[in-house]
Amino acid sequence: NLNPILYKENQAAFLTDVIAHEISHLLVWQLFGKVAPHGIQWQTIMV
């Protein structure tokens, strides 16, 4: 889910950061199951 008001005001940052941030959460869940939300697995995928 994306905040439509913040998306409208910050489209470039959404495309470079926010969507990657949220997709990383989904990937971590699918790869590792329940782990810390912004833990090492999530950080590794982001970087």
ModelCIF file with pLDDT and N, C-alpha, C, O atoms, coordinates in Angstrom:
data_MODEL
#
_entry.id   MODEL 
#
_entity.id                         1 
_entity.type                       polymer 
_entity.pdbx_number_of_molecules   1 
#
_entity_poly.entity_id                      1 
_entity_poly.type                           'polypeptide(L)' 
_entity_poly.nstd_linkage                   no 
_entity_poly.nstd_monomer                   no 
_entity_poly.pdbx_seq_one_letter_code       NLNPILYKENQAAFLTDVIAHEISHLLVWQLFGKVAPHGIQWQTIMV 
_entity_poly.pdbx_seq_one_letter_code_can   NLNPILYKENQAAFLTDVIAHEISHLLVWQLFGKVAPHGIQWQTIMV 
_entity_poly.pdbx_strand_id                 A 
#
loop_
_entity_poly_seq.entity_id 
_entity_poly_seq.num 
_entity_poly_seq.mon_id 
_entity_poly_seq.hetero 
1 1  ASN n 
1 2  LEU n 
1 3  ASN n 
1 4  PRO n 
1 5  ILE n 
1 6  LEU n 
1 7  TYR n 
1 8  LYS n 
1 9  GLU n 
1 10 ASN n 
1 11 GLN n 
1 12 ALA n 
1 13 ALA n 
1 14 PHE n 
1 15 LEU n 
1 16 THR n 
1 17 ASP n 
1 18 VAL n 
1 19 ILE n 
1 20 ALA n 
1 21 HIS n 
1 22 GLU n 
1 23 ILE n 
1 24 SER n 
1 25 HIS n 
1 26 LEU n 
1 27 LEU n 
1 28 VAL n 
1 29 TRP n 
1 30 GLN n 
1 31 LEU n 
1 32 PHE n 
1 33 GLY n 
1 34 LYS n 
1 35 VAL n 
1 36 ALA n 
1 37 PRO n 
1 38 HIS n 
1 39 GLY n 
1 40 ILE n 
1 41 GLN n 
1 42 TRP n 
1 43 GLN n 
1 44 THR n 
1 45 ILE n 
1 46 MET n 
1 47 VAL n 
#
_struct_asym.id          A 
_struct_asym.entity_id   1 
#
loop_
_ma_qa_metric.id 
_ma_qa_metric.mode 
_ma_qa_metric.name 
_ma_qa_metric.software_group_id 
_ma_qa_metric.type 
1 global pLDDT . pLDDT 
2 local  pLDDT . pLDDT 
#
_ma_qa_metric_global.metric_id      1 
_ma_qa_metric_global.metric_value   91.98 
_ma_qa_metric_global.model_id       1 
_ma_qa_metric_global.ordinal_id     1 
#
loop_
_ma_qa_metric_local.label_asym_id 
_ma_qa_metric_local.label_comp_id 
_ma_qa_metric_local.label_seq_id 
_ma_qa_metric_local.metric_id 
_ma_qa_metric_local.metric_value 
_ma_qa_metric_local.model_id 
_ma_qa_metric_local.ordinal_id 
A ASN 1  2 93.00 1 1  
A LEU 2  2 91.00 1 2  
A ASN 3  2 86.00 1 3  
A PRO 4  2 88.00 1 4  
A ILE 5  2 84.00 1 5  
A LEU 6  2 84.00 1 6  
A TYR 7  2 86.00 1 7  
A LYS 8  2 87.00 1 8  
A GLU 9  2 85.00 1 9  
A ASN 10 2 80.00 1 10 
A GLN 11 2 82.00 1 11 
A ALA 12 2 86.00 1 12 
A ALA 13 2 83.00 1 13 
A PHE 14 2 80.00 1 14 
A LEU 15 2 85.00 1 15 
A THR 16 2 87.00 1 16 
A ASP 17 2 88.00 1 17 
A VAL 18 2 92.00 1 18 
A ILE 19 2 93.00 1 19 
A ALA 20 2 96.00 1 20 
A HIS 21 2 95.00 1 21 
A GLU 22 2 96.00 1 22 
A ILE 23 2 97.00 1 23 
A SER 24 2 97.00 1 24 
A HIS 25 2 97.00 1 25 
A LEU 26 2 98.00 1 26 
A LEU 27 2 98.00 1 27 
A VAL 28 2 97.00 1 28 
A TRP 29 2 97.00 1 29 
A GLN 30 2 97.00 1 30 
A LEU 31 2 97.00 1 31 
A PHE 32 2 96.00 1 32 
A GLY 33 2 95.00 1 33 
A LYS 34 2 94.00 1 34 
A VAL 35 2 93.00 1 35 
A ALA 36 2 92.00 1 36 
A PRO 37 2 89.00 1 37 
A HIS 38 2 94.00 1 38 
A GLY 39 2 95.00 1 39 
A ILE 40 2 97.00 1 40 
A GLN 41 2 97.00 1 41 
A TRP 42 2 96.00 1 42 
A GLN 43 2 97.00 1 43 
A THR 44 2 96.00 1 44 
A ILE 45 2 97.00 1 45 
A MET 46 2 96.00 1 46 
A VAL 47 2 97.00 1 47 
#
loop_
_atom_site.group_PDB 
_atom_site.id 
_atom_site.type_symbol 
_atom_site.label_atom_id 
_atom_site.label_alt_id 
_atom_site.label_comp_id 
_atom_site.label_asym_id 
_atom_site.label_entity_id 
_atom_site.label_seq_id 
_atom_site.pdbx_PDB_ins_code 
_atom_site.Cartn_x 
_atom_site.Cartn_y 
_atom_site.Cartn_z 
_atom_site.occupancy 
_atom_site.B_iso_or_equiv 
_atom_site.pdbx_formal_charge 
_atom_site.auth_seq_id 
_atom_site.auth_comp_id 
_atom_site.auth_asym_id 
_atom_site.auth_atom_id 
_atom_site.pdbx_PDB_model_num 
ATOM 1   N N  . ASN A 1 1  ? 0.858  -1.181  0.000  1.00 93.00 ? 1  ASN A N  1 
ATOM 2   C CA . ASN A 1 1  ? 0.000  0.000   0.000  1.00 93.00 ? 1  ASN A CA 1 
ATOM 3   C C  . ASN A 1 1  ? 0.894  1.231   0.000  1.00 93.00 ? 1  ASN A C  1 
ATOM 4   O O  . ASN A 1 1  ? 1.848  1.316   0.774  1.00 93.00 ? 1  ASN A O  1 
ATOM 5   N N  . LEU A 1 2  ? 0.584  2.180   -0.868 1.00 91.00 ? 2  LEU A N  1 
ATOM 6   C CA . LEU A 1 2  ? 1.333  3.426   -0.951 1.00 91.00 ? 2  LEU A CA 1 
ATOM 7   C C  . LEU A 1 2  ? 0.413  4.597   -0.630 1.00 91.00 ? 2  LEU A C  1 
ATOM 8   O O  . LEU A 1 2  ? -0.753 4.617   -1.024 1.00 91.00 ? 2  LEU A O  1 
ATOM 9   N N  . ASN A 1 3  ? 0.954  5.564   0.088  1.00 86.00 ? 3  ASN A N  1 
ATOM 10  C CA . ASN A 1 3  ? 0.205  6.754   0.450  1.00 86.00 ? 3  ASN A CA 1 
ATOM 11  C C  . ASN A 1 3  ? 0.080  7.634   -0.793 1.00 86.00 ? 3  ASN A C  1 
ATOM 12  O O  . ASN A 1 3  ? 1.092  8.136   -1.281 1.00 86.00 ? 3  ASN A O  1 
ATOM 13  N N  . PRO A 1 4  ? -1.132 7.837   -1.322 1.00 88.00 ? 4  PRO A N  1 
ATOM 14  C CA . PRO A 1 4  ? -1.278 8.558   -2.586 1.00 88.00 ? 4  PRO A CA 1 
ATOM 15  C C  . PRO A 1 4  ? -0.856 10.020  -2.512 1.00 88.00 ? 4  PRO A C  1 
ATOM 16  O O  . PRO A 1 4  ? -0.357 10.567  -3.495 1.00 88.00 ? 4  PRO A O  1 
ATOM 17  N N  . ILE A 1 5  ? -1.048 10.659  -1.365 1.00 84.00 ? 5  ILE A N  1 
ATOM 18  C CA . ILE A 1 5  ? -0.673 12.069  -1.242 1.00 84.00 ? 5  ILE A CA 1 
ATOM 19  C C  . ILE A 1 5  ? 0.844  12.205  -1.235 1.00 84.00 ? 5  ILE A C  1 
ATOM 20  O O  . ILE A 1 5  ? 1.403  13.036  -1.950 1.00 84.00 ? 5  ILE A O  1 
ATOM 21  N N  . LEU A 1 6  ? 1.506  11.385  -0.423 1.00 84.00 ? 6  LEU A N  1 
ATOM 22  C CA . LEU A 1 6  ? 2.972  11.439  -0.385 1.00 84.00 ? 6  LEU A CA 1 
ATOM 23  C C  . LEU A 1 6  ? 3.574  11.001  -1.720 1.00 84.00 ? 6  LEU A C  1 
ATOM 24  O O  . LEU A 1 6  ? 4.604  11.531  -2.135 1.00 84.00 ? 6  LEU A O  1 
ATOM 25  N N  . TYR A 1 7  ? 2.945  10.042  -2.393 1.00 86.00 ? 7  TYR A N  1 
ATOM 26  C CA . TYR A 1 7  ? 3.431  9.614   -3.709 1.00 86.00 ? 7  TYR A CA 1 
ATOM 27  C C  . TYR A 1 7  ? 3.365  10.770  -4.706 1.00 86.00 ? 7  TYR A C  1 
ATOM 28  O O  . TYR A 1 7  ? 4.318  11.022  -5.443 1.00 86.00 ? 7  TYR A O  1 
ATOM 29  N N  . LYS A 1 8  ? 2.246  11.457  -4.719 1.00 87.00 ? 8  LYS A N  1 
ATOM 30  C CA . LYS A 1 8  ? 2.077  12.569  -5.659 1.00 87.00 ? 8  LYS A CA 1 
ATOM 31  C C  . LYS A 1 8  ? 3.128  13.646  -5.435 1.00 87.00 ? 8  LYS A C  1 
ATOM 32  O O  . LYS A 1 8  ? 3.627  14.247  -6.386 1.00 87.00 ? 8  LYS A O  1 
ATOM 33  N N  . GLU A 1 9  ? 3.463  13.889  -4.157 1.00 85.00 ? 9  GLU A N  1 
ATOM 34  C CA . GLU A 1 9  ? 4.411  14.951  -3.818 1.00 85.00 ? 9  GLU A CA 1 
ATOM 35  C C  . GLU A 1 9  ? 5.871  14.521  -3.907 1.00 85.00 ? 9  GLU A C  1 
ATOM 36  O O  . GLU A 1 9  ? 6.758  15.375  -3.911 1.00 85.00 ? 9  GLU A O  1 
ATOM 37  N N  . ASN A 1 10 ? 6.148  13.202  -3.981 1.00 80.00 ? 10 ASN A N  1 
ATOM 38  C CA . ASN A 1 10 ? 7.528  12.698  -3.915 1.00 80.00 ? 10 ASN A CA 1 
ATOM 39  C C  . ASN A 1 10 ? 7.751  11.531  -4.868 1.00 80.00 ? 10 ASN A C  1 
ATOM 40  O O  . ASN A 1 10 ? 8.361  10.532  -4.487 1.00 80.00 ? 10 ASN A O  1 
ATOM 41  N N  . GLN A 1 11 ? 7.269  11.641  -6.090 1.00 82.00 ? 11 GLN A N  1 
ATOM 42  C CA . GLN A 1 11 ? 7.300  10.505  -7.014 1.00 82.00 ? 11 GLN A CA 1 
ATOM 43  C C  . GLN A 1 11 ? 8.697  9.951   -7.251 1.00 82.00 ? 11 GLN A C  1 
ATOM 44  O O  . GLN A 1 11 ? 8.880  8.733   -7.272 1.00 82.00 ? 11 GLN A O  1 
ATOM 45  N N  . ALA A 1 12 ? 9.666  10.807  -7.428 1.00 86.00 ? 12 ALA A N  1 
ATOM 46  C CA . ALA A 1 12 ? 11.022 10.314  -7.711 1.00 86.00 ? 12 ALA A CA 1 
ATOM 47  C C  . ALA A 1 12 ? 11.549 9.476   -6.551 1.00 86.00 ? 12 ALA A C  1 
ATOM 48  O O  . ALA A 1 12 ? 12.125 8.411   -6.772 1.00 86.00 ? 12 ALA A O  1 
ATOM 49  N N  . ALA A 1 13 ? 11.361 9.938   -5.330 1.00 83.00 ? 13 ALA A N  1 
ATOM 50  C CA . ALA A 1 13 ? 11.839 9.195   -4.158 1.00 83.00 ? 13 ALA A CA 1 
ATOM 51  C C  . ALA A 1 13 ? 11.071 7.889   -3.988 1.00 83.00 ? 13 ALA A C  1 
ATOM 52  O O  . ALA A 1 13 ? 11.641 6.896   -3.537 1.00 83.00 ? 13 ALA A O  1 
ATOM 53  N N  . PHE A 1 14 ? 9.802  7.873   -4.338 1.00 80.00 ? 14 PHE A N  1 
ATOM 54  C CA . PHE A 1 14 ? 9.041  6.625   -4.263 1.00 80.00 ? 14 PHE A CA 1 
ATOM 55  C C  . PHE A 1 14 ? 9.639  5.601   -5.216 1.00 80.00 ? 14 PHE A C  1 
ATOM 56  O O  . PHE A 1 14 ? 9.798  4.432   -4.866 1.00 80.00 ? 14 PHE A O  1 
ATOM 57  N N  . LEU A 1 15 ? 9.968  6.047   -6.421 1.00 85.00 ? 15 LEU A N  1 
ATOM 58  C CA . LEU A 1 15 ? 10.491 5.120   -7.428 1.00 85.00 ? 15 LEU A CA 1 
ATOM 59  C C  . LEU A 1 15 ? 11.901 4.645   -7.096 1.00 85.00 ? 15 LEU A C  1 
ATOM 60  O O  . LEU A 1 15 ? 12.278 3.537   -7.477 1.00 85.00 ? 15 LEU A O  1 
ATOM 61  N N  . THR A 1 16 ? 12.687 5.461   -6.394 1.00 87.00 ? 16 THR A N  1 
ATOM 62  C CA . THR A 1 16 ? 14.057 5.043   -6.085 1.00 87.00 ? 16 THR A CA 1 
ATOM 63  C C  . THR A 1 16 ? 14.190 4.362   -4.730 1.00 87.00 ? 16 THR A C  1 
ATOM 64  O O  . THR A 1 16 ? 15.050 3.499   -4.557 1.00 87.00 ? 16 THR A O  1 
ATOM 65  N N  . ASP A 1 17 ? 13.347 4.739   -3.760 1.00 88.00 ? 17 ASP A N  1 
ATOM 66  C CA . ASP A 1 17 ? 13.535 4.248   -2.389 1.00 88.00 ? 17 ASP A CA 1 
ATOM 67  C C  . ASP A 1 17 ? 12.348 3.501   -1.793 1.00 88.00 ? 17 ASP A C  1 
ATOM 68  O O  . ASP A 1 17 ? 12.492 2.368   -1.332 1.00 88.00 ? 17 ASP A O  1 
ATOM 69  N N  . VAL A 1 18 ? 11.181 4.129   -1.801 1.00 92.00 ? 18 VAL A N  1 
ATOM 70  C CA . VAL A 1 18 ? 10.035 3.593   -1.065 1.00 92.00 ? 18 VAL A CA 1 
ATOM 71  C C  . VAL A 1 18 ? 9.586  2.240   -1.612 1.00 92.00 ? 18 VAL A C  1 
ATOM 72  O O  . VAL A 1 18 ? 9.338  1.313   -0.842 1.00 92.00 ? 18 VAL A O  1 
ATOM 73  N N  . ILE A 1 19 ? 9.482  2.123   -2.916 1.00 93.00 ? 19 ILE A N  1 
ATOM 74  C CA . ILE A 1 19 ? 9.017  0.855   -3.492 1.00 93.00 ? 19 ILE A CA 1 
ATOM 75  C C  . ILE A 1 19 ? 10.041 -0.251  -3.225 1.00 93.00 ? 19 ILE A C  1 
ATOM 76  O O  . ILE A 1 19 ? 9.660  -1.378  -2.910 1.00 93.00 ? 19 ILE A O  1 
ATOM 77  N N  . ALA A 1 20 ? 11.326 0.056   -3.347 1.00 96.00 ? 20 ALA A N  1 
ATOM 78  C CA . ALA A 1 20 ? 12.364 -0.930  -3.025 1.00 96.00 ? 20 ALA A CA 1 
ATOM 79  C C  . ALA A 1 20 ? 12.271 -1.332  -1.549 1.00 96.00 ? 20 ALA A C  1 
ATOM 80  O O  . ALA A 1 20 ? 12.438 -2.505  -1.218 1.00 96.00 ? 20 ALA A O  1 
ATOM 81  N N  . HIS A 1 21 ? 12.011 -0.379  -0.676 1.00 95.00 ? 21 HIS A N  1 
ATOM 82  C CA . HIS A 1 21 ? 11.875 -0.631  0.757  1.00 95.00 ? 21 HIS A CA 1 
ATOM 83  C C  . HIS A 1 21 ? 10.757 -1.653  1.010  1.00 95.00 ? 21 HIS A C  1 
ATOM 84  O O  . HIS A 1 21 ? 10.953 -2.632  1.730  1.00 95.00 ? 21 HIS A O  1 
ATOM 85  N N  . GLU A 1 22 ? 9.596  -1.414  0.414  1.00 96.00 ? 22 GLU A N  1 
ATOM 86  C CA . GLU A 1 22 ? 8.446  -2.301  0.647  1.00 96.00 ? 22 GLU A CA 1 
ATOM 87  C C  . GLU A 1 22 ? 8.618  -3.659  -0.031 1.00 96.00 ? 22 GLU A C  1 
ATOM 88  O O  . GLU A 1 22 ? 8.246  -4.687  0.536  1.00 96.00 ? 22 GLU A O  1 
ATOM 89  N N  . ILE A 1 23 ? 9.175  -3.668  -1.227 1.00 97.00 ? 23 ILE A N  1 
ATOM 90  C CA . ILE A 1 23 ? 9.434  -4.947  -1.894 1.00 97.00 ? 23 ILE A CA 1 
ATOM 91  C C  . ILE A 1 23 ? 10.438 -5.767  -1.093 1.00 97.00 ? 23 ILE A C  1 
ATOM 92  O O  . ILE A 1 23 ? 10.319 -6.990  -1.014 1.00 97.00 ? 23 ILE A O  1 
ATOM 93  N N  . SER A 1 24 ? 11.417 -5.108  -0.506 1.00 97.00 ? 24 SER A N  1 
ATOM 94  C CA . SER A 1 24 ? 12.396 -5.816  0.334  1.00 97.00 ? 24 SER A CA 1 
ATOM 95  C C  . SER A 1 24 ? 11.702 -6.531  1.489  1.00 97.00 ? 24 SER A C  1 
ATOM 96  O O  . SER A 1 24 ? 12.070 -7.655  1.831  1.00 97.00 ? 24 SER A O  1 
ATOM 97  N N  . HIS A 1 25 ? 10.707 -5.893  2.088  1.00 97.00 ? 25 HIS A N  1 
ATOM 98  C CA . HIS A 1 25 ? 9.945  -6.556  3.161  1.00 97.00 ? 25 HIS A CA 1 
ATOM 99  C C  . HIS A 1 25 ? 9.270  -7.826  2.637  1.00 97.00 ? 25 HIS A C  1 
ATOM 100 O O  . HIS A 1 25 ? 9.312  -8.872  3.283  1.00 97.00 ? 25 HIS A O  1 
ATOM 101 N N  . LEU A 1 26 ? 8.648  -7.723  1.463  1.00 98.00 ? 26 LEU A N  1 
ATOM 102 C CA . LEU A 1 26 ? 7.971  -8.894  0.901  1.00 98.00 ? 26 LEU A CA 1 
ATOM 103 C C  . LEU A 1 26 ? 8.964  -10.005 0.590  1.00 98.00 ? 26 LEU A C  1 
ATOM 104 O O  . LEU A 1 26 ? 8.698  -11.176 0.861  1.00 98.00 ? 26 LEU A O  1 
ATOM 105 N N  . LEU A 1 27 ? 10.104 -9.639  0.025  1.00 98.00 ? 27 LEU A N  1 
ATOM 106 C CA . LEU A 1 27 ? 11.108 -10.653 -0.318 1.00 98.00 ? 27 LEU A CA 1 
ATOM 107 C C  . LEU A 1 27 ? 11.659 -11.341 0.931  1.00 98.00 ? 27 LEU A C  1 
ATOM 108 O O  . LEU A 1 27 ? 11.838 -12.559 0.949  1.00 98.00 ? 27 LEU A O  1 
ATOM 109 N N  . VAL A 1 28 ? 11.923 -10.564 1.962  1.00 97.00 ? 28 VAL A N  1 
ATOM 110 C CA . VAL A 1 28 ? 12.425 -11.142 3.219  1.00 97.00 ? 28 VAL A CA 1 
ATOM 111 C C  . VAL A 1 28 ? 11.414 -12.135 3.767  1.00 97.00 ? 28 VAL A C  1 
ATOM 112 O O  . VAL A 1 28 ? 11.793 -13.223 4.199  1.00 97.00 ? 28 VAL A O  1 
ATOM 113 N N  . TRP A 1 29 ? 10.148 -11.784 3.757  1.00 97.00 ? 29 TRP A N  1 
ATOM 114 C CA . TRP A 1 29 ? 9.097  -12.682 4.242  1.00 97.00 ? 29 TRP A CA 1 
ATOM 115 C C  . TRP A 1 29 ? 9.093  -13.985 3.437  1.00 97.00 ? 29 TRP A C  1 
ATOM 116 O O  . TRP A 1 29 ? 8.998  -15.073 4.005  1.00 97.00 ? 29 TRP A O  1 
ATOM 117 N N  . GLN A 1 30 ? 9.196  -13.866 2.118  1.00 97.00 ? 30 GLN A N  1 
ATOM 118 C CA . GLN A 1 30 ? 9.135  -15.052 1.259  1.00 97.00 ? 30 GLN A CA 1 
ATOM 119 C C  . GLN A 1 30 ? 10.398 -15.912 1.361  1.00 97.00 ? 30 GLN A C  1 
ATOM 120 O O  . GLN A 1 30 ? 10.340 -17.130 1.188  1.00 97.00 ? 30 GLN A O  1 
ATOM 121 N N  . LEU A 1 31 ? 11.519 -15.283 1.638  1.00 97.00 ? 31 LEU A N  1 
ATOM 122 C CA . LEU A 1 31 ? 12.785 -16.027 1.726  1.00 97.00 ? 31 LEU A CA 1 
ATOM 123 C C  . LEU A 1 31 ? 13.067 -16.570 3.126  1.00 97.00 ? 31 LEU A C  1 
ATOM 124 O O  . LEU A 1 31 ? 13.569 -17.685 3.270  1.00 97.00 ? 31 LEU A O  1 
ATOM 125 N N  . PHE A 1 32 ? 12.745 -15.787 4.156  1.00 96.00 ? 32 PHE A N  1 
ATOM 126 C CA . PHE A 1 32 ? 13.187 -16.117 5.511  1.00 96.00 ? 32 PHE A CA 1 
ATOM 127 C C  . PHE A 1 32 ? 12.061 -16.278 6.530  1.00 96.00 ? 32 PHE A C  1 
ATOM 128 O O  . PHE A 1 32 ? 12.304 -16.727 7.649  1.00 96.00 ? 32 PHE A O  1 
ATOM 129 N N  . GLY A 1 33 ? 10.835 -15.918 6.159  1.00 95.00 ? 33 GLY A N  1 
ATOM 130 C CA . GLY A 1 33 ? 9.746  -15.984 7.118  1.00 95.00 ? 33 GLY A CA 1 
ATOM 131 C C  . GLY A 1 33 ? 9.800  -14.821 8.086  1.00 95.00 ? 33 GLY A C  1 
ATOM 132 O O  . GLY A 1 33 ? 10.242 -13.726 7.741  1.00 95.00 ? 33 GLY A O  1 
ATOM 133 N N  . LYS A 1 34 ? 9.345  -15.071 9.299  1.00 94.00 ? 34 LYS A N  1 
ATOM 134 C CA . LYS A 1 34 ? 9.240  -14.002 10.293 1.00 94.00 ? 34 LYS A CA 1 
ATOM 135 C C  . LYS A 1 34 ? 10.606 -13.696 10.892 1.00 94.00 ? 34 LYS A C  1 
ATOM 136 O O  . LYS A 1 34 ? 11.183 -14.510 11.613 1.00 94.00 ? 34 LYS A O  1 
ATOM 137 N N  . VAL A 1 35 ? 11.108 -12.510 10.579 1.00 93.00 ? 35 VAL A N  1 
ATOM 138 C CA . VAL A 1 35 ? 12.374 -12.006 11.133 1.00 93.00 ? 35 VAL A CA 1 
ATOM 139 C C  . VAL A 1 35 ? 12.170 -10.531 11.477 1.00 93.00 ? 35 VAL A C  1 
ATOM 140 O O  . VAL A 1 35 ? 11.102 -9.979  11.215 1.00 93.00 ? 35 VAL A O  1 
ATOM 141 N N  . ALA A 1 36 ? 13.168 -9.900  12.051 1.00 92.00 ? 36 ALA A N  1 
ATOM 142 C CA . ALA A 1 36 ? 13.072 -8.476  12.392 1.00 92.00 ? 36 ALA A CA 1 
ATOM 143 C C  . ALA A 1 36 ? 12.756 -7.660  11.139 1.00 92.00 ? 36 ALA A C  1 
ATOM 144 O O  . ALA A 1 36 ? 13.374 -7.867  10.095 1.00 92.00 ? 36 ALA A O  1 
ATOM 145 N N  . PRO A 1 37 ? 11.789 -6.727  11.234 1.00 89.00 ? 37 PRO A N  1 
ATOM 146 C CA . PRO A 1 37 ? 11.350 -5.983  10.045 1.00 89.00 ? 37 PRO A CA 1 
ATOM 147 C C  . PRO A 1 37 ? 12.465 -5.269  9.280  1.00 89.00 ? 37 PRO A C  1 
ATOM 148 O O  . PRO A 1 37 ? 12.471 -5.285  8.049  1.00 89.00 ? 37 PRO A O  1 
ATOM 149 N N  . HIS A 1 38 ? 13.393 -4.652  9.978  1.00 94.00 ? 38 HIS A N  1 
ATOM 150 C CA . HIS A 1 38 ? 14.495 -3.950  9.318  1.00 94.00 ? 38 HIS A CA 1 
ATOM 151 C C  . HIS A 1 38 ? 15.827 -4.576  9.720  1.00 94.00 ? 38 HIS A C  1 
ATOM 152 O O  . HIS A 1 38 ? 16.831 -3.887  9.896  1.00 94.00 ? 38 HIS A O  1 
ATOM 153 N N  . GLY A 1 39 ? 15.807 -5.883  9.858  1.00 95.00 ? 39 GLY A N  1 
ATOM 154 C CA . GLY A 1 39 ? 16.988 -6.629  10.279 1.00 95.00 ? 39 GLY A CA 1 
ATOM 155 C C  . GLY A 1 39 ? 18.009 -6.807  9.172  1.00 95.00 ? 39 GLY A C  1 
ATOM 156 O O  . GLY A 1 39 ? 17.909 -6.195  8.109  1.00 95.00 ? 39 GLY A O  1 
ATOM 157 N N  . ILE A 1 40 ? 18.983 -7.648  9.437  1.00 97.00 ? 40 ILE A N  1 
ATOM 158 C CA . ILE A 1 40 ? 20.109 -7.835  8.514  1.00 97.00 ? 40 ILE A CA 1 
ATOM 159 C C  . ILE A 1 40 ? 19.659 -8.370  7.151  1.00 97.00 ? 40 ILE A C  1 
ATOM 160 O O  . ILE A 1 40 ? 20.240 -8.009  6.127  1.00 97.00 ? 40 ILE A O  1 
ATOM 161 N N  . GLN A 1 41 ? 18.641 -9.219  7.125  1.00 97.00 ? 41 GLN A N  1 
ATOM 162 C CA . GLN A 1 41 ? 18.164 -9.755  5.841  1.00 97.00 ? 41 GLN A CA 1 
ATOM 163 C C  . GLN A 1 41 ? 17.596 -8.626  4.978  1.00 97.00 ? 41 GLN A C  1 
ATOM 164 O O  . GLN A 1 41 ? 17.904 -8.520  3.791  1.00 97.00 ? 41 GLN A O  1 
ATOM 165 N N  . TRP A 1 42 ? 16.767 -7.790  5.594  1.00 96.00 ? 42 TRP A N  1 
ATOM 166 C CA . TRP A 1 42 ? 16.173 -6.669  4.872  1.00 96.00 ? 42 TRP A CA 1 
ATOM 167 C C  . TRP A 1 42 ? 17.252 -5.688  4.418  1.00 96.00 ? 42 TRP A C  1 
ATOM 168 O O  . TRP A 1 42 ? 17.240 -5.231  3.275  1.00 96.00 ? 42 TRP A O  1 
ATOM 169 N N  . GLN A 1 43 ? 18.171 -5.370  5.305  1.00 97.00 ? 43 GLN A N  1 
ATOM 170 C CA . GLN A 1 43 ? 19.249 -4.434  4.964  1.00 97.00 ? 43 GLN A CA 1 
ATOM 171 C C  . GLN A 1 43 ? 20.100 -4.968  3.818  1.00 97.00 ? 43 GLN A C  1 
ATOM 172 O O  . GLN A 1 43 ? 20.502 -4.216  2.930  1.00 97.00 ? 43 GLN A O  1 
ATOM 173 N N  . THR A 1 44 ? 20.368 -6.252  3.843  1.00 96.00 ? 44 THR A N  1 
ATOM 174 C CA . THR A 1 44 ? 21.184 -6.861  2.787  1.00 96.00 ? 44 THR A CA 1 
ATOM 175 C C  . THR A 1 44 ? 20.489 -6.757  1.438  1.00 96.00 ? 44 THR A C  1 
ATOM 176 O O  . THR A 1 44 ? 21.132 -6.434  0.440  1.00 96.00 ? 44 THR A O  1 
ATOM 177 N N  . ILE A 1 45 ? 19.202 -7.021  1.391  1.00 97.00 ? 45 ILE A N  1 
ATOM 178 C CA . ILE A 1 45 ? 18.470 -6.912  0.127  1.00 97.00 ? 45 ILE A CA 1 
ATOM 179 C C  . ILE A 1 45 ? 18.475 -5.468  -0.360 1.00 97.00 ? 45 ILE A C  1 
ATOM 180 O O  . ILE A 1 45 ? 18.692 -5.214  -1.545 1.00 97.00 ? 45 ILE A O  1 
ATOM 181 N N  . MET A 1 46 ? 18.239 -4.525  0.543  1.00 96.00 ? 46 MET A N  1 
ATOM 182 C CA . MET A 1 46 ? 18.247 -3.116  0.138  1.00 96.00 ? 46 MET A CA 1 
ATOM 183 C C  . MET A 1 46 ? 19.585 -2.729  -0.498 1.00 96.00 ? 46 MET A C  1 
ATOM 184 O O  . MET A 1 46 ? 19.617 -2.078  -1.543 1.00 96.00 ? 46 MET A O  1 
ATOM 185 N N  . VAL A 1 47 ? 20.686 -3.136  0.139  1.00 97.00 ? 47 VAL A N  1 
ATOM 186 C CA . VAL A 1 47 ? 22.014 -2.712  -0.321 1.00 97.00 ? 47 VAL A CA 1 
ATOM 187 C C  . VAL A 1 47 ? 22.508 -3.553  -1.495 1.00 97.00 ? 47 VAL A C  1 
ATOM 188 O O  . VAL A 1 47 ? 23.608 -3.324  -1.999 1.00 97.00 ? 47 VAL A O  1 
#
